[in-house]
Amino acid sequence: MKPGQILNVVFYTRHGCHLCDDAAAVLRAHGITYQKVDIDDDPELVERFNTCVPVVEIDGVVRFRGRVDGRLLRRFLR
């Protein structure tokens, strides 16, 4: 990633998901802003991500499912 490059990050989540809370904390700790999408508001997203949340999509590519690894995220951001 180039310095100053803006990422388009979509964070797929659902209410009551403790793994989603953990993932959001990791994203915030790395200074990443994201668009939060509750999959339960869209039947197609439920079908696509039902048991996989949290899901983090960066620039149109799913990079994390189920857990956001801070170490891997740092590598990606370099």
Protein backbone atom coordinates (compact mmCIF):
# COMPACT_ATOMS: atom_id res chain seq x y z
CA MET A 1 0.00 0.00 0.00
CA LYS A 2 1.32 3.43 -0.88
CA PRO A 3 1.54 6.12 1.83
CA GLY A 4 -1.65 8.16 1.96
CA GLN A 5 -3.54 5.63 -0.15
CA ILE A 6 -7.21 5.47 0.80
CA LEU A 7 -8.69 2.01 1.12
CA ASN A 8 -12.31 1.16 0.46
CA VAL A 9 -13.08 -1.14 3.39
CA VAL A 10 -16.43 -2.84 3.91
CA PHE A 11 -16.96 -4.59 7.24
CA TYR A 12 -19.75 -7.19 7.14
CA THR A 13 -21.14 -7.90 10.59
CA ARG A 14 -24.28 -8.73 12.55
CA HIS A 15 -25.74 -7.68 15.87
CA GLY A 16 -24.50 -9.67 18.86
CA CYS A 17 -21.37 -11.01 17.14
CA HIS A 18 -18.48 -10.93 19.63
CA LEU A 19 -15.95 -11.79 16.91
CA CYS A 20 -17.24 -8.76 15.00
CA ASP A 21 -16.58 -6.56 18.02
CA ASP A 22 -13.02 -7.91 18.18
CA ALA A 23 -12.49 -7.35 14.45
CA ALA A 24 -13.78 -3.78 14.64
CA ALA A 25 -11.31 -3.08 17.46
CA VAL A 26 -8.42 -4.40 15.35
CA LEU A 27 -9.45 -2.26 12.38
CA ARG A 28 -9.75 0.85 14.56
CA ALA A 29 -6.39 0.15 16.22
CA HIS A 30 -4.82 0.26 12.76
CA GLY A 31 -6.56 3.53 11.89
CA ILE A 32 -8.80 1.94 9.29
CA THR A 33 -12.17 3.51 8.65
CA TYR A 34 -14.81 1.27 7.16
CA GLN A 35 -18.35 1.03 5.94
CA LYS A 36 -20.25 -1.21 8.35
CA VAL A 37 -22.87 -3.49 6.80
CA ASP A 38 -25.22 -5.63 8.90
CA ILE A 39 -25.75 -8.77 6.83
CA ASP A 40 -29.11 -9.44 8.49
CA ASP A 41 -30.54 -6.44 6.60
CA ASP A 42 -30.01 -8.21 3.25
CA PRO A 43 -31.06 -11.83 2.57
CA GLU A 44 -28.41 -12.18 -0.15
CA LEU A 45 -25.66 -11.20 2.29
CA VAL A 46 -27.03 -13.65 4.88
CA GLU A 47 -26.82 -16.40 2.28
CA ARG A 48 -23.28 -15.35 1.29
CA PHE A 49 -21.75 -14.69 4.74
CA ASN A 50 -24.08 -16.28 7.31
CA THR A 51 -21.54 -18.26 9.35
CA CYS A 52 -18.46 -16.35 8.21
CA VAL A 53 -18.88 -12.97 9.91
CA PRO A 54 -17.00 -10.87 10.51
CA VAL A 55 -15.92 -10.41 6.91
CA VAL A 56 -13.59 -7.62 5.85
CA GLU A 57 -13.47 -6.63 2.20
CA ILE A 58 -10.67 -4.29 1.13
CA ASP A 59 -10.86 -2.66 -2.28
CA GLY A 60 -13.39 -5.24 -3.46
CA VAL A 61 -11.49 -8.33 -2.26
CA VAL A 62 -12.45 -10.33 0.82
CA ARG A 63 -9.28 -10.35 2.96
CA PHE A 64 -10.58 -11.71 6.29
CA ARG A 65 -13.37 -14.07 7.35
CA GLY A 66 -14.23 -14.99 10.91
CA ARG A 67 -11.32 -13.15 12.49
CA VAL A 68 -9.07 -10.23 11.61
CA ASP A 69 -5.45 -11.05 12.34
CA GLY A 70 -3.63 -7.84 13.29
CA ARG A 71 -0.27 -9.20 12.11
CA LEU A 72 -1.61 -10.08 8.67
CA LEU A 73 -3.39 -6.75 8.46
CA ARG A 74 -0.12 -4.90 9.19
CA ARG A 75 1.59 -6.88 6.41
CA PHE A 76 -1.18 -5.99 4.02
CA LEU A 77 -0.94 -2.30 4.90
CA ARG A 78 2.80 -2.14 4.16
